[in-house]
Protein backbone atom coordinates (compact mmCIF):
# COMPACT_ATOMS: atom_id res chain seq x y z
CA UNK A 1 -43.52 102.90 206.99
CA UNK A 2 -40.57 103.75 204.94
CA UNK A 3 -38.40 104.25 208.09
CA UNK A 4 -39.38 100.86 209.28
CA UNK A 5 -38.23 99.28 205.98
CA UNK A 6 -35.18 101.26 205.96
CA UNK A 7 -34.40 100.04 209.50
CA UNK A 8 -35.29 96.37 208.54
CA UNK A 9 -32.77 96.52 205.55
CA UNK A 10 -30.23 97.94 207.90
CA UNK A 11 -30.86 94.91 210.24
CA UNK A 12 -30.73 92.64 207.47
CA UNK A 13 -27.33 93.90 206.28
CA UNK A 14 -25.99 93.83 209.76
CA UNK A 15 -27.10 90.20 210.15
CA UNK A 16 -25.44 89.38 206.80
CA UNK A 17 -22.19 91.17 207.87
CA UNK A 18 -22.23 89.30 211.22
CA UNK A 19 -22.52 85.88 209.31
CA UNK A 20 -19.71 86.95 206.94
CA UNK A 21 -17.61 87.84 210.09
CA UNK A 22 -18.29 84.51 211.85
CA UNK A 23 -17.37 82.66 208.57
CA UNK A 24 -14.23 84.82 208.23
CA UNK A 25 -13.26 84.01 211.63
CA UNK A 26 -13.95 80.26 210.99
CA UNK A 27 -11.85 80.25 207.89
CA UNK A 28 -9.15 82.33 209.69
CA UNK A 29 -8.96 79.43 212.41
CA UNK A 30 -8.68 76.68 209.75
CA UNK A 31 -5.98 78.81 208.04
CA UNK A 32 -4.16 79.27 211.22
CA UNK A 33 -4.17 75.51 212.15
CA UNK A 34 -2.90 74.66 208.41
CA UNK A 35 -0.22 77.19 208.84
CA UNK A 36 0.96 75.66 212.20
CA UNK A 37 0.83 72.15 210.60
CA UNK A 38 2.98 73.39 207.47
CA UNK A 39 5.40 74.98 209.96
CA UNK A 40 5.79 71.89 211.81
CA UNK A 41 6.29 69.95 208.57
CA UNK A 42 8.72 72.33 207.48
CA UNK A 43 10.77 72.15 210.84
CA UNK A 44 10.85 68.38 210.54
CA UNK A 45 11.87 68.56 206.83
CA UNK A 46 14.73 70.93 207.88
CA UNK A 47 15.75 68.52 210.44
CA UNK A 48 15.84 65.83 208.09
CA UNK A 49 17.90 67.71 205.61
CA UNK A 50 20.40 68.53 208.30
CA UNK A 51 20.55 65.00 209.30
CA UNK A 52 21.06 63.74 205.60
CA UNK A 53 23.73 66.49 205.06
CA UNK A 54 25.55 65.20 208.22
CA UNK A 55 25.23 61.59 206.88
CA UNK A 56 26.53 62.83 203.37
CA UNK A 57 29.52 64.53 205.04
CA UNK A 58 30.29 61.31 206.89
CA UNK A 59 29.97 59.26 203.76
CA UNK A 60 32.23 61.59 201.97
CA UNK A 61 34.76 61.25 204.78
CA UNK A 62 34.53 57.55 204.69
CA UNK A 63 34.94 57.59 201.01
CA UNK A 64 38.12 59.68 201.21
CA UNK A 65 39.62 57.52 203.89
CA UNK A 66 38.90 54.37 202.08
CA UNK A 67 40.25 55.90 198.95
CA UNK A 68 37.40 54.84 196.80
CA UNK A 69 36.49 58.21 195.55
CA UNK A 70 37.81 59.94 192.54
CA UNK A 71 41.16 61.62 192.92
CA UNK A 72 39.80 65.03 192.16
CA UNK A 73 36.88 64.77 194.47
CA UNK A 74 39.27 63.43 197.18
CA UNK A 75 41.69 66.42 196.86
CA UNK A 76 38.67 68.90 196.85
CA UNK A 77 37.18 67.41 199.74
CA UNK A 78 40.51 67.06 201.71
CA UNK A 79 41.10 70.81 201.09
CA UNK A 80 37.54 71.54 202.25
CA UNK A 81 38.03 69.44 205.36
CA UNK A 82 41.39 71.13 206.02
CA UNK A 83 39.86 74.63 205.64
CA UNK A 84 37.09 73.78 208.00
CA UNK A 85 39.50 72.45 210.57
CA UNK A 86 41.72 75.52 210.12
CA UNK A 87 38.58 77.62 210.71
CA UNK A 88 37.71 75.71 213.89
CA UNK A 89 41.27 76.09 215.21
CA UNK A 90 41.13 79.83 214.58
CA UNK A 91 37.87 79.86 216.44
CA UNK A 92 39.17 77.92 219.30
CA UNK A 93 42.15 80.22 219.37
CA UNK A 94 39.83 83.28 219.66
CA UNK A 95 37.85 81.83 222.41
CA UNK A 96 40.97 80.95 224.38
CA UNK A 97 42.27 84.59 223.94
CA UNK A 98 38.88 85.95 225.18
CA UNK A 99 39.05 83.69 228.20
CA UNK A 100 42.69 84.67 228.97
CA UNK A 101 41.87 88.55 228.76
């Protein structure tokens, strides 16, 4: 009789473990779906940020070309733009050199 009770307790514990496993798998599935949703939201927000950054740069360029910004800001921005243009030119020169070799 004692062995039967022992086996029954083991079976009960096994059933409990199986229920916990199923619950954990269901929770895992829900969490994965939430993760995918958050990753999609993050990508969308990053795209929005990149788009807004580009718009901000264009607005700064427009401000500088119209002369409506502060002189210090215009000078700093012009230097920044010149630096970027010089970097692009150097990169283009490197690419041309690679193509010629």
